[in-house]
Amino acid sequence: MKFMLVRHGQTLWNREKRVQGVSDIELSKRGSAQADSLARSLRDEKIDTIISSPLKRAVQTAEAINRFHHLSIEPEKDLMELNMGNFEGMALQEMMKNHGDFLKRWAEDPASIVMPGGESLSELQNRAWGVVERIAGKSGTTLLAAHNFTIMTILCKIKEMDLSHIIQAHVDVASKTLVEFQNGRGNVVFFNDIDHLSGCEKVID
């Protein structure tokens, strides 16, 4: 079986560098163009199942992809982004000014941090990996439309990499990553592919 891990397209909060966790933000105009380009890059792929985080930005990306596959998109709340708690919606500049010590600790050891009023990376990984385990018996290719940290924690699990090194698994907006499972082990076939996004930068929000 195969998993296609897809990150949603850009939102205005992405562009404004705001903390975007479980806040339900829609795709921007550029994000919609990115989702369309991503969808076209997958139009000839044999996709058997599409599962999406219920947040609008992921659903809209999944819907763009599904125009070429005509499947029933299955919502899965455990694919939602990391709950950023008190930091939801905060601009990066504000965080750097008022929460510099927290950001320093996050940079040094992200695995040890719990977002105030939110959750930790290990909590996110446990719920996201639970989705992988629940659908591990499906045949064919399952596409998961999700979020940066969600996908990163899944990839850390597949690569048997400690969450303290999670930055190495960063994925860009509207990227695709293919994982093939054989005998219970995952192999990353390609990672963070964004070749299809050429030209999307010309779209102005």
C-alpha atoms as a PDB file:
ATOM      1  CA  MET A   1       0.000   0.000   0.000  1.00  0.00           C
ATOM      2  CA  LYS A   2       0.988   3.625  -0.520  1.00  0.00           C
ATOM      3  CA  PHE A   3       0.317   6.910   1.265  1.00  0.00           C
ATOM      4  CA  MET A   4       0.375  10.226  -0.558  1.00  0.00           C
ATOM      5  CA  LEU A   5       0.925  12.882   2.122  1.00  0.00           C
ATOM      6  CA  VAL A   6      -0.311  16.257   0.884  1.00  0.00           C
ATOM      7  CA  ARG A   7      -0.005  19.579   2.681  1.00  0.00           C
ATOM      8  CA  HIS A   8      -2.714  22.168   2.044  1.00  0.00           C
ATOM      9  CA  GLY A   9      -2.154  25.262  -0.087  1.00  0.00           C
ATOM     10  CA  GLN A  10      -1.275  28.686   1.276  1.00  0.00           C
ATOM     11  CA  THR A  11      -3.597  30.716   3.478  1.00  0.00           C
ATOM     12  CA  LEU A  12      -3.405  34.416   4.319  1.00  0.00           C
ATOM     13  CA  TRP A  13      -2.088  33.429   7.739  1.00  0.00           C
ATOM     14  CA  ASN A  14       0.729  31.497   6.083  1.00  0.00           C
ATOM     15  CA  ARG A  15       1.605  34.573   4.054  1.00  0.00           C
ATOM     16  CA  GLU A  16       1.385  36.847   7.098  1.00  0.00           C
ATOM     17  CA  LYS A  17       3.509  34.398   9.135  1.00  0.00           C
ATOM     18  CA  ARG A  18       0.866  33.885  11.786  1.00  0.00           C
ATOM     19  CA  VAL A  19       0.695  30.857  14.030  1.00  0.00           C
ATOM     20  CA  GLN A  20      -1.862  28.594  12.385  1.00  0.00           C
ATOM     21  CA  GLY A  21      -2.851  25.478  14.233  1.00  0.00           C
ATOM     22  CA  VAL A  22      -6.460  24.396  14.653  1.00  0.00           C
ATOM     23  CA  SER A  23      -7.813  27.803  13.552  1.00  0.00           C
ATOM     24  CA  ASP A  24     -10.092  27.143  10.570  1.00  0.00           C
ATOM     25  CA  ILE A  25      -8.550  29.366   7.894  1.00  0.00           C
ATOM     26  CA  GLU A  26      -9.459  29.052   4.213  1.00  0.00           C
ATOM     27  CA  LEU A  27      -7.066  28.941   1.280  1.00  0.00           C
ATOM     28  CA  SER A  28      -5.994  32.271  -0.163  1.00  0.00           C
ATOM     29  CA  LYS A  29      -6.179  32.978  -3.900  1.00  0.00           C
ATOM     30  CA  ARG A  30      -2.597  31.794  -4.268  1.00  0.00           C
ATOM     31  CA  GLY A  31      -3.377  28.773  -2.111  1.00  0.00           C
ATOM     32  CA  SER A  32      -6.289  27.848  -4.376  1.00  0.00           C
ATOM     33  CA  ALA A  33      -4.005  28.136  -7.407  1.00  0.00           C
ATOM     34  CA  GLN A  34      -1.458  25.927  -5.648  1.00  0.00           C
ATOM     35  CA  ALA A  35      -4.124  23.348  -4.830  1.00  0.00           C
ATOM     36  CA  ASP A  36      -5.212  23.346  -8.471  1.00  0.00           C
ATOM     37  CA  SER A  37      -1.630  22.843  -9.674  1.00  0.00           C
ATOM     38  CA  LEU A  38      -1.146  20.065  -7.120  1.00  0.00           C
ATOM     39  CA  ALA A  39      -4.384  18.434  -8.282  1.00  0.00           C
ATOM     40  CA  ARG A  40      -3.278  18.526 -11.918  1.00  0.00           C
ATOM     41  CA  SER A  41       0.034  16.913 -10.987  1.00  0.00           C
ATOM     42  CA  LEU A  42      -1.940  14.040  -9.430  1.00  0.00           C
ATOM     43  CA  ARG A  43      -4.665  13.705 -12.064  1.00  0.00           C
ATOM     44  CA  ASP A  44      -3.150  10.570 -13.608  1.00  0.00           C
ATOM     45  CA  GLU A  45      -2.241   8.941 -10.284  1.00  0.00           C
ATOM     46  CA  LYS A  46      -4.287   5.924  -9.220  1.00  0.00           C
ATOM     47  CA  ILE A  47      -5.739   7.195  -5.927  1.00  0.00           C
ATOM     48  CA  ASP A  48      -8.156   4.841  -4.173  1.00  0.00           C
ATOM     49  CA  THR A  49      -9.007   6.732  -0.979  1.00  0.00           C
ATOM     50  CA  ILE A  50      -8.870  10.384   0.090  1.00  0.00           C
ATOM     51  CA  ILE A  51      -8.819  11.231   3.786  1.00  0.00           C
ATOM     52  CA  SER A  52      -8.655  14.841   4.964  1.00  0.00           C
ATOM     53  CA  SER A  53      -8.301  16.900   8.070  1.00  0.00           C
ATOM     54  CA  PRO A  54     -11.666  18.640   8.582  1.00  0.00           C
ATOM     55  CA  LEU A  55     -10.042  22.100   8.600  1.00  0.00           C
ATOM     56  CA  LYS A  56     -11.114  24.142   5.569  1.00  0.00           C
ATOM     57  CA  ARG A  57      -7.657  24.604   4.090  1.00  0.00           C
ATOM     58  CA  ALA A  58      -7.091  20.853   3.957  1.00  0.00           C
ATOM     59  CA  VAL A  59     -10.615  20.058   2.749  1.00  0.00           C
ATOM     60  CA  GLN A  60     -10.380  22.637  -0.049  1.00  0.00           C
ATOM     61  CA  THR A  61      -7.070  21.115  -1.148  1.00  0.00           C
ATOM     62  CA  ALA A  62      -8.560  17.611  -1.056  1.00  0.00           C
ATOM     63  CA  GLU A  63     -11.581  18.783  -3.051  1.00  0.00           C
ATOM     64  CA  ALA A  64      -9.332  20.256  -5.741  1.00  0.00           C
ATOM     65  CA  ILE A  65      -7.517  16.927  -6.054  1.00  0.00           C
ATOM     66  CA  ASN A  66     -10.767  14.984  -6.027  1.00  0.00           C
ATOM     67  CA  ARG A  67     -12.063  16.766  -9.147  1.00  0.00           C
ATOM     68  CA  PHE A  68     -10.018  14.224 -11.109  1.00  0.00           C
ATOM     69  CA  HIS A  69     -10.811  11.159  -8.982  1.00  0.00           C
ATOM     70  CA  HIS A  70     -14.482  11.422  -7.958  1.00  0.00           C
ATOM     71  CA  LEU A  71     -14.124   9.724  -4.580  1.00  0.00           C
ATOM     72  CA  SER A  72     -15.856  10.327  -1.270  1.00  0.00           C
ATOM     73  CA  ILE A  73     -13.559  12.470   0.899  1.00  0.00           C
ATOM     74  CA  GLU A  74     -13.396  10.996   4.392  1.00  0.00           C
ATOM     75  CA  PRO A  75     -12.939  13.570   7.204  1.00  0.00           C
ATOM     76  CA  GLU A  76     -10.506  12.616   9.977  1.00  0.00           C
ATOM     77  CA  LYS A  77     -10.150  14.963  12.944  1.00  0.00           C
ATOM     78  CA  ASP A  78      -6.936  13.286  14.080  1.00  0.00           C
ATOM     79  CA  LEU A  79      -5.201  14.730  11.005  1.00  0.00           C
ATOM     80  CA  MET A  80      -5.775  18.284  12.263  1.00  0.00           C
ATOM     81  CA  GLU A  81      -2.751  20.509  12.796  1.00  0.00           C
ATOM     82  CA  LEU A  82      -0.894  20.879  16.097  1.00  0.00           C
ATOM     83  CA  ASN A  83      -3.054  22.786  18.579  1.00  0.00           C
ATOM     84  CA  MET A  84      -1.054  25.943  19.175  1.00  0.00           C
ATOM     85  CA  GLY A  85      -3.137  26.976  22.173  1.00  0.00           C
ATOM     86  CA  ASN A  86      -2.493  30.530  23.355  1.00  0.00           C
ATOM     87  CA  PHE A  87      -0.342  31.258  20.315  1.00  0.00           C
ATOM     88  CA  GLU A  88      -3.094  30.690  17.724  1.00  0.00           C
ATOM     89  CA  GLY A  89      -3.236  33.616  15.312  1.00  0.00           C
ATOM     90  CA  MET A  90      -0.190  35.376  16.767  1.00  0.00           C
ATOM     91  CA  ALA A  91       2.215  36.983  14.308  1.00  0.00           C
ATOM     92  CA  LEU A  92       5.778  35.653  14.321  1.00  0.00           C
ATOM     93  CA  GLN A  93       7.149  39.143  15.041  1.00  0.00           C
ATOM     94  CA  GLU A  94       4.961  39.389  18.126  1.00  0.00           C
ATOM     95  CA  MET A  95       6.129  35.965  19.293  1.00  0.00           C
ATOM     96  CA  MET A  96       9.764  36.942  18.810  1.00  0.00           C
ATOM     97  CA  LYS A  97       9.215  40.144  20.777  1.00  0.00           C
ATOM     98  CA  ASN A  98       7.140  38.752  23.662  1.00  0.00           C
ATOM     99  CA  HIS A  99       7.977  35.034  23.769  1.00  0.00           C
ATOM    100  CA  GLY A 100      11.596  34.890  22.690  1.00  0.00           C
ATOM    101  CA  ASP A 101      12.598  32.486  25.488  1.00  0.00           C
ATOM    102  CA  PHE A 102       9.871  30.050  24.457  1.00  0.00           C
ATOM    103  CA  LEU A 103      10.972  30.158  20.810  1.00  0.00           C
ATOM    104  CA  LYS A 104      14.561  29.535  21.863  1.00  0.00           C
ATOM    105  CA  ARG A 105      13.529  26.457  23.860  1.00  0.00           C
ATOM    106  CA  TRP A 106      11.405  25.291  20.917  1.00  0.00           C
ATOM    107  CA  ALA A 107      14.361  25.641  18.536  1.00  0.00           C
ATOM    108  CA  GLU A 108      16.674  23.757  20.896  1.00  0.00           C
ATOM    109  CA  ASP A 109      14.338  20.865  21.744  1.00  0.00           C
ATOM    110  CA  PRO A 110      10.889  20.960  20.117  1.00  0.00           C
ATOM    111  CA  ALA A 111      10.055  17.480  21.374  1.00  0.00           C
ATOM    112  CA  SER A 112      10.023  18.664  24.998  1.00  0.00           C
ATOM    113  CA  ILE A 113       7.651  21.597  24.461  1.00  0.00           C
ATOM    114  CA  VAL A 114       3.933  21.727  25.159  1.00  0.00           C
ATOM    115  CA  MET A 115       2.128  24.660  23.584  1.00  0.00           C
ATOM    116  CA  PRO A 116       0.513  26.712  26.385  1.00  0.00           C
ATOM    117  CA  GLY A 117      -3.172  25.824  26.244  1.00  0.00           C
ATOM    118  CA  GLY A 118      -2.426  23.455  23.354  1.00  0.00           C
ATOM    119  CA  GLU A 119      -0.600  20.192  22.809  1.00  0.00           C
ATOM    120  CA  SER A 120       2.842  18.675  22.314  1.00  0.00           C
ATOM    121  CA  LEU A 121       4.374  17.141  19.209  1.00  0.00           C
ATOM    122  CA  SER A 122       4.191  13.697  20.799  1.00  0.00           C
ATOM    123  CA  GLU A 123       0.456  14.120  21.395  1.00  0.00           C
ATOM    124  CA  LEU A 124       0.026  15.148  17.762  1.00  0.00           C
ATOM    125  CA  GLN A 125       2.133  12.223  16.575  1.00  0.00           C
ATOM    126  CA  ASN A 126       0.103   9.743  18.618  1.00  0.00           C
ATOM    127  CA  ARG A 127      -3.202  10.831  17.099  1.00  0.00           C
ATOM    128  CA  ALA A 128      -1.844  11.227  13.553  1.00  0.00           C
ATOM    129  CA  TRP A 129      -0.080   7.881  13.609  1.00  0.00           C
ATOM    130  CA  GLY A 130      -3.292   6.323  14.879  1.00  0.00           C
ATOM    131  CA  VAL A 131      -4.852   7.281  11.528  1.00  0.00           C
ATOM    132  CA  VAL A 132      -2.032   5.541   9.671  1.00  0.00           C
ATOM    133  CA  GLU A 133      -2.495   2.408  11.768  1.00  0.00           C
ATOM    134  CA  ARG A 134      -6.277   2.388  11.259  1.00  0.00           C
ATOM    135  CA  ILE A 135      -5.979   2.440   7.492  1.00  0.00           C
ATOM    136  CA  ALA A 136      -2.804   0.375   7.161  1.00  0.00           C
ATOM    137  CA  GLY A 137      -4.782  -2.561   5.813  1.00  0.00           C
ATOM    138  CA  LYS A 138      -6.252  -0.639   2.883  1.00  0.00           C
ATOM    139  CA  SER A 139      -5.071  -1.667  -0.560  1.00  0.00           C
ATOM    140  CA  GLY A 140      -3.911   0.760  -3.216  1.00  0.00           C
ATOM    141  CA  THR A 141      -3.004   4.397  -2.609  1.00  0.00           C
ATOM    142  CA  THR A 142      -4.503   6.525   0.154  1.00  0.00           C
ATOM    143  CA  LEU A 143      -4.105  10.285  -0.036  1.00  0.00           C
ATOM    144  CA  LEU A 144      -3.953  12.150   3.268  1.00  0.00           C
ATOM    145  CA  ALA A 145      -4.631  15.900   3.050  1.00  0.00           C
ATOM    146  CA  ALA A 146      -3.201  17.451   6.190  1.00  0.00           C
ATOM    147  CA  HIS A 147      -0.843  20.015   7.686  1.00  0.00           C
ATOM    148  CA  ASN A 148       2.845  20.715   8.171  1.00  0.00           C
ATOM    149  CA  PHE A 149       3.384  19.432  11.712  1.00  0.00           C
ATOM    150  CA  THR A 150       0.925  16.578  11.209  1.00  0.00           C
ATOM    151  CA  ILE A 151       2.830  15.312   8.185  1.00  0.00           C
ATOM    152  CA  MET A 152       6.181  15.956   9.859  1.00  0.00           C
ATOM    153  CA  THR A 153       5.323  13.794  12.872  1.00  0.00           C
ATOM    154  CA  ILE A 154       4.129  10.980  10.587  1.00  0.00           C
ATOM    155  CA  LEU A 155       7.387  11.142   8.641  1.00  0.00           C
ATOM    156  CA  CYS A 156       9.423  11.117  11.854  1.00  0.00           C
ATOM    157  CA  LYS A 157       7.653   7.905  12.849  1.00  0.00           C
ATOM    158  CA  ILE A 158       8.269   6.321   9.456  1.00  0.00           C
ATOM    159  CA  LYS A 159      11.939   7.294   9.486  1.00  0.00           C
ATOM    160  CA  GLU A 160      12.307   6.262  13.144  1.00  0.00           C
ATOM    161  CA  MET A 161      13.568   9.780  13.814  1.00  0.00           C
ATOM    162  CA  ASP A 162      13.265  11.472  17.198  1.00  0.00           C
ATOM    163  CA  LEU A 163      10.881  14.421  17.287  1.00  0.00           C
ATOM    164  CA  SER A 164      13.753  16.625  18.422  1.00  0.00           C
ATOM    165  CA  HIS A 165      14.891  16.498  14.768  1.00  0.00           C
ATOM    166  CA  ILE A 166      11.455  17.238  13.327  1.00  0.00           C
ATOM    167  CA  ILE A 167      12.654  20.253  11.330  1.00  0.00           C
ATOM    168  CA  GLN A 168      14.337  17.786   8.952  1.00  0.00           C
ATOM    169  CA  ALA A 169      10.863  16.594   7.940  1.00  0.00           C
ATOM    170  CA  HIS A 170       9.476  20.050   7.061  1.00  0.00           C
ATOM    171  CA  VAL A 171       7.124  20.093   4.078  1.00  0.00           C
ATOM    172  CA  ASP A 172       6.105  23.113   1.997  1.00  0.00           C
ATOM    173  CA  VAL A 173       2.563  24.261   1.254  1.00  0.00           C
ATOM    174  CA  ALA A 174       0.855  22.245  -1.506  1.00  0.00           C
ATOM    175  CA  SER A 175       3.675  19.689  -1.476  1.00  0.00           C
ATOM    176  CA  LYS A 176       3.322  15.961  -1.972  1.00  0.00           C
ATOM    177  CA  THR A 177       5.284  13.146  -0.343  1.00  0.00           C
ATOM    178  CA  LEU A 178       4.868   9.494  -1.284  1.00  0.00           C
ATOM    179  CA  VAL A 179       5.405   6.674   1.220  1.00  0.00           C
ATOM    180  CA  GLU A 180       5.252   2.997   0.274  1.00  0.00           C
ATOM    181  CA  PHE A 181       4.605   0.363   2.940  1.00  0.00           C
ATOM    182  CA  GLN A 182       5.895  -3.192   2.625  1.00  0.00           C
ATOM    183  CA  ASN A 183       5.926  -5.749   5.406  1.00  0.00           C
ATOM    184  CA  GLY A 184       4.843  -3.115   7.895  1.00  0.00           C
ATOM    185  CA  ARG A 185       7.706  -0.745   7.141  1.00  0.00           C
ATOM    186  CA  GLY A 186       7.454   2.567   5.339  1.00  0.00           C
ATOM    187  CA  ASN A 187       9.820   3.798   2.647  1.00  0.00           C
ATOM    188  CA  VAL A 188       9.774   7.416   1.452  1.00  0.00           C
ATOM    189  CA  VAL A 189       9.672   7.244  -2.358  1.00  0.00           C
ATOM    190  CA  PHE A 190       9.809  11.013  -2.810  1.00  0.00           C
ATOM    191  CA  PHE A 191       9.704  13.866  -0.319  1.00  0.00           C
ATOM    192  CA  ASN A 192       8.291  17.407  -0.397  1.00  0.00           C
ATOM    193  CA  ASP A 193       7.794  17.566  -4.170  1.00  0.00           C
ATOM    194  CA  ILE A 194       6.759  21.098  -5.223  1.00  0.00           C
ATOM    195  CA  ASP A 195       7.830  21.068  -8.885  1.00  0.00           C
ATOM    196  CA  HIS A 196       4.189  21.509  -9.897  1.00  0.00           C
ATOM    197  CA  LEU A 197       3.957  24.941  -8.218  1.00  0.00           C
ATOM    198  CA  SER A 198       5.905  26.832 -10.866  1.00  0.00           C
ATOM    199  CA  GLY A 199       3.942  29.964 -11.772  1.00  0.00           C
ATOM    200  CA  CYS A 200       1.751  30.033  -8.659  1.00  0.00           C
ATOM    201  CA  GLU A 201       3.880  32.802  -7.166  1.00  0.00           C
ATOM    202  CA  LYS A 202       2.396  35.139  -9.787  1.00  0.00           C
ATOM    203  CA  VAL A 203      -1.063  34.837  -8.216  1.00  0.00           C
ATOM    204  CA  ILE A 204      -1.704  37.788  -5.901  1.00  0.00           C
ATOM    205  CA  ASP A 205      -3.948  37.330  -2.849  1.00  0.00           C
END
